Amino acid sequence: MQNELDVLRAENVLLKELAALSEQRYEEVKRLKKENEELKKQIEQLTKQLFQQRPDSWFMHTLQRQQALKHAKLPLSTPFSFAEKEK
């Protein structure tokens, strides 16, 4: 009986430690998501500033095209691609 009680206590300690680690990871993920959003906003602002400074550059045209494709969420398969078509 005492042996079973000791095993249950050890499991309880282990579960508490796992819960604490899980909470730490959750907070870390939350912090990283917030940081990611802030960085995306900074990139967007810097891109706008750069485009205003040199709107005719090759780099800015390429970047603008990539952004348009990203936001439009166009399918990767086009009539000119070699992607396998659904039957």
N, C-alpha and C. Protein backbone atom coordinates (compact mmCIF):
# COMPACT_ATOMS: atom_id res chain seq x y z
N MET A 1 0.83 -1.20 0.00
CA MET A 1 0.00 0.00 0.00
C MET A 1 0.88 1.27 0.00
N GLN A 2 1.91 1.26 0.83
CA GLN A 2 2.81 2.41 0.90
C GLN A 2 3.54 2.60 -0.44
N ASN A 3 3.90 1.49 -1.07
CA ASN A 3 4.58 1.55 -2.36
C ASN A 3 3.70 2.21 -3.41
N GLU A 4 2.43 1.87 -3.46
CA GLU A 4 1.49 2.47 -4.40
C GLU A 4 1.33 3.96 -4.14
N LEU A 5 1.31 4.34 -2.87
CA LEU A 5 1.19 5.75 -2.49
C LEU A 5 2.42 6.53 -2.96
N ASP A 6 3.60 5.93 -2.80
CA ASP A 6 4.83 6.58 -3.25
C ASP A 6 4.84 6.76 -4.77
N VAL A 7 4.34 5.75 -5.49
CA VAL A 7 4.28 5.83 -6.95
C VAL A 7 3.32 6.95 -7.36
N LEU A 8 2.18 7.03 -6.72
CA LEU A 8 1.21 8.08 -7.03
C LEU A 8 1.76 9.46 -6.73
N ARG A 9 2.49 9.60 -5.64
CA ARG A 9 3.11 10.90 -5.30
C ARG A 9 4.15 11.29 -6.36
N ALA A 10 4.94 10.31 -6.78
CA ALA A 10 5.95 10.59 -7.81
C ALA A 10 5.29 10.99 -9.12
N GLU A 11 4.21 10.32 -9.49
CA GLU A 11 3.47 10.70 -10.70
C GLU A 11 2.89 12.09 -10.58
N ASN A 12 2.40 12.44 -9.40
CA ASN A 12 1.84 13.76 -9.16
C ASN A 12 2.91 14.84 -9.34
N VAL A 13 4.09 14.60 -8.80
CA VAL A 13 5.19 15.56 -8.95
C VAL A 13 5.55 15.71 -10.42
N LEU A 14 5.63 14.59 -11.13
CA LEU A 14 5.95 14.61 -12.55
C LEU A 14 4.90 15.38 -13.35
N LEU A 15 3.64 15.14 -13.05
CA LEU A 15 2.57 15.85 -13.76
C LEU A 15 2.61 17.35 -13.48
N LYS A 16 2.93 17.74 -12.26
CA LYS A 16 3.04 19.17 -11.94
C LYS A 16 4.19 19.80 -12.71
N GLU A 17 5.30 19.09 -12.81
CA GLU A 17 6.44 19.62 -13.56
C GLU A 17 6.10 19.75 -15.05
N LEU A 18 5.41 18.76 -15.58
CA LEU A 18 5.00 18.82 -16.98
C LEU A 18 4.02 19.96 -17.23
N ALA A 19 3.13 20.19 -16.30
CA ALA A 19 2.18 21.30 -16.43
C ALA A 19 2.91 22.64 -16.42
N ALA A 20 3.91 22.76 -15.57
CA ALA A 20 4.68 24.01 -15.51
C ALA A 20 5.43 24.23 -16.83
N LEU A 21 6.04 23.16 -17.37
CA LEU A 21 6.74 23.28 -18.65
C LEU A 21 5.78 23.64 -19.78
N SER A 22 4.60 23.05 -19.76
CA SER A 22 3.60 23.34 -20.77
C SER A 22 3.18 24.81 -20.71
N GLU A 23 3.01 25.32 -19.52
CA GLU A 23 2.62 26.72 -19.37
C GLU A 23 3.73 27.64 -19.87
N GLN A 24 4.99 27.28 -19.59
CA GLN A 24 6.12 28.09 -20.07
C GLN A 24 6.16 28.10 -21.59
N ARG A 25 5.95 26.95 -22.20
CA ARG A 25 5.96 26.88 -23.66
C ARG A 25 4.82 27.68 -24.26
N TYR A 26 3.66 27.63 -23.62
CA TYR A 26 2.50 28.40 -24.11
C TYR A 26 2.82 29.89 -24.08
N GLU A 27 3.41 30.35 -22.99
CA GLU A 27 3.77 31.77 -22.89
C GLU A 27 4.82 32.14 -23.93
N GLU A 28 5.76 31.25 -24.18
CA GLU A 28 6.80 31.50 -25.17
C GLU A 28 6.19 31.60 -26.57
N VAL A 29 5.27 30.70 -26.90
CA VAL A 29 4.61 30.73 -28.20
C VAL A 29 3.81 32.03 -28.35
N LYS A 30 3.12 32.41 -27.30
CA LYS A 30 2.34 33.66 -27.33
C LYS A 30 3.25 34.86 -27.57
N ARG A 31 4.39 34.88 -26.89
CA ARG A 31 5.35 35.98 -27.05
C ARG A 31 5.91 36.00 -28.46
N LEU A 32 6.24 34.83 -28.99
CA LEU A 32 6.81 34.76 -30.33
C LEU A 32 5.80 35.15 -31.40
N LYS A 33 4.54 34.81 -31.22
CA LYS A 33 3.51 35.23 -32.18
C LYS A 33 3.38 36.75 -32.20
N LYS A 34 3.41 37.35 -31.01
CA LYS A 34 3.32 38.80 -30.92
C LYS A 34 4.54 39.45 -31.58
N GLU A 35 5.71 38.91 -31.31
CA GLU A 35 6.94 39.43 -31.90
C GLU A 35 6.90 39.28 -33.42
N ASN A 36 6.39 38.16 -33.91
CA ASN A 36 6.27 37.92 -35.35
C ASN A 36 5.36 38.96 -36.00
N GLU A 37 4.24 39.25 -35.38
CA GLU A 37 3.33 40.26 -35.92
C GLU A 37 3.99 41.64 -35.96
N GLU A 38 4.72 41.98 -34.90
CA GLU A 38 5.42 43.27 -34.87
C GLU A 38 6.45 43.35 -35.98
N LEU A 39 7.19 42.26 -36.20
CA LEU A 39 8.19 42.25 -37.26
C LEU A 39 7.56 42.36 -38.64
N LYS A 40 6.42 41.71 -38.83
CA LYS A 40 5.72 41.82 -40.11
C LYS A 40 5.30 43.26 -40.36
N LYS A 41 4.81 43.93 -39.32
CA LYS A 41 4.42 45.34 -39.47
C LYS A 41 5.62 46.20 -39.81
N GLN A 42 6.76 45.94 -39.16
CA GLN A 42 7.97 46.71 -39.45
C GLN A 42 8.42 46.50 -40.90
N ILE A 43 8.36 45.26 -41.36
CA ILE A 43 8.76 44.96 -42.74
C ILE A 43 7.84 45.68 -43.71
N GLU A 44 6.55 45.67 -43.42
CA GLU A 44 5.60 46.36 -44.30
C GLU A 44 5.87 47.86 -44.34
N GLN A 45 6.15 48.46 -43.19
CA GLN A 45 6.44 49.89 -43.14
C GLN A 45 7.73 50.21 -43.89
N LEU A 46 8.76 49.39 -43.68
CA LEU A 46 10.04 49.63 -44.37
C LEU A 46 9.90 49.44 -45.88
N THR A 47 9.09 48.50 -46.27
CA THR A 47 8.86 48.27 -47.70
C THR A 47 8.18 49.48 -48.32
N LYS A 48 7.18 50.01 -47.63
CA LYS A 48 6.48 51.20 -48.15
C LYS A 48 7.45 52.37 -48.26
N GLN A 49 8.28 52.56 -47.24
CA GLN A 49 9.24 53.66 -47.27
C GLN A 49 10.23 53.49 -48.42
N LEU A 50 10.71 52.28 -48.59
CA LEU A 50 11.67 52.02 -49.65
C LEU A 50 11.04 52.23 -51.02
N PHE A 51 9.80 51.81 -51.18
CA PHE A 51 9.12 51.99 -52.46
C PHE A 51 8.89 53.47 -52.75
N GLN A 52 8.62 54.24 -51.72
CA GLN A 52 8.42 55.68 -51.93
C GLN A 52 9.73 56.35 -52.34
N GLN A 53 10.85 55.84 -51.85
CA GLN A 53 12.13 56.43 -52.18
C GLN A 53 12.58 56.08 -53.60
N ARG A 54 12.36 54.82 -54.00
CA ARG A 54 12.81 54.37 -55.32
C ARG A 54 11.75 53.50 -55.97
N PRO A 55 10.65 54.09 -56.40
CA PRO A 55 9.55 53.29 -56.94
C PRO A 55 9.85 52.62 -58.27
N ASP A 56 10.91 53.04 -58.97
CA ASP A 56 11.18 52.49 -60.29
C ASP A 56 12.25 51.42 -60.30
N SER A 57 12.74 51.03 -59.14
CA SER A 57 13.83 50.05 -59.12
C SER A 57 13.31 48.65 -59.40
N TRP A 58 14.21 47.82 -59.94
CA TRP A 58 13.86 46.43 -60.25
C TRP A 58 13.47 45.69 -58.97
N PHE A 59 14.21 45.93 -57.91
CA PHE A 59 13.93 45.28 -56.64
C PHE A 59 12.52 45.59 -56.15
N MET A 60 12.12 46.83 -56.23
CA MET A 60 10.80 47.23 -55.73
C MET A 60 9.69 46.65 -56.61
N HIS A 61 9.91 46.58 -57.90
CA HIS A 61 8.90 45.97 -58.77
C HIS A 61 8.73 44.48 -58.43
N THR A 62 9.86 43.81 -58.20
CA THR A 62 9.81 42.39 -57.84
C THR A 62 9.13 42.20 -56.50
N LEU A 63 9.50 43.01 -55.53
CA LEU A 63 8.90 42.91 -54.21
C LEU A 63 7.40 43.19 -54.25
N GLN A 64 7.02 44.18 -55.01
CA GLN A 64 5.61 44.53 -55.13
C GLN A 64 4.83 43.38 -55.78
N ARG A 65 5.42 42.76 -56.76
CA ARG A 65 4.76 41.61 -57.42
C ARG A 65 4.62 40.44 -56.46
N GLN A 66 5.66 40.17 -55.69
CA GLN A 66 5.59 39.08 -54.71
C GLN A 66 4.51 39.34 -53.67
N GLN A 67 4.42 40.57 -53.22
CA GLN A 67 3.39 40.92 -52.22
C GLN A 67 2.00 40.76 -52.80
N ALA A 68 1.82 41.16 -54.04
CA ALA A 68 0.52 41.03 -54.69
C ALA A 68 0.13 39.56 -54.82
N LEU A 69 1.09 38.73 -55.20
CA LEU A 69 0.81 37.30 -55.32
C LEU A 69 0.52 36.67 -53.97
N LYS A 70 1.25 37.11 -52.97
CA LYS A 70 1.06 36.56 -51.62
C LYS A 70 -0.32 36.90 -51.08
N HIS A 71 -0.76 38.12 -51.27
CA HIS A 71 -2.05 38.55 -50.73
C HIS A 71 -3.22 38.05 -51.58
N ALA A 72 -2.98 37.79 -52.85
CA ALA A 72 -4.06 37.32 -53.72
C ALA A 72 -4.32 35.83 -53.50
N LYS A 73 -3.34 35.13 -52.95
CA LYS A 73 -3.45 33.69 -52.70
C LYS A 73 -3.86 32.95 -53.96
N LEU A 74 -3.12 33.21 -55.01
CA LEU A 74 -3.38 32.55 -56.28
C LEU A 74 -2.96 31.09 -56.20
N PRO A 75 -3.63 30.23 -56.92
CA PRO A 75 -3.23 28.82 -56.92
C PRO A 75 -1.85 28.67 -57.57
N LEU A 76 -1.09 27.72 -57.09
CA LEU A 76 0.23 27.51 -57.64
C LEU A 76 0.18 26.88 -59.03
N SER A 77 -0.86 26.17 -59.32
CA SER A 77 -0.99 25.53 -60.62
C SER A 77 -1.64 26.50 -61.59
N THR A 78 -0.98 26.72 -62.71
CA THR A 78 -1.51 27.59 -63.75
C THR A 78 -1.61 26.79 -65.03
N PRO A 79 -2.27 27.32 -66.05
CA PRO A 79 -2.34 26.58 -67.32
C PRO A 79 -0.96 26.30 -67.91
N PHE A 80 0.04 27.05 -67.50
CA PHE A 80 1.37 26.90 -68.06
C PHE A 80 2.29 26.08 -67.17
N SER A 81 1.77 25.60 -66.05
CA SER A 81 2.64 24.83 -65.16
C SER A 81 2.60 23.36 -65.53
N PHE A 82 3.50 22.61 -64.98
CA PHE A 82 3.57 21.19 -65.24
C PHE A 82 2.96 20.40 -64.10
N ALA A 83 2.18 21.06 -63.27
CA ALA A 83 1.52 20.39 -62.15
C ALA A 83 0.52 19.37 -62.68
N GLU A 84 0.40 18.27 -61.98
CA GLU A 84 -0.50 17.22 -62.40
C GLU A 84 -1.95 17.69 -62.20
N LYS A 85 -2.75 17.52 -63.22
CA LYS A 85 -4.15 17.95 -63.14
C LYS A 85 -4.99 16.87 -62.48
N GLU A 86 -6.03 17.33 -61.75
CA GLU A 86 -6.94 16.39 -61.12
C GLU A 86 -7.80 15.71 -62.17
N LYS A 87 -8.08 14.44 -61.96
CA LYS A 87 -8.90 13.70 -62.93
C LYS A 87 -10.31 13.57 -62.45
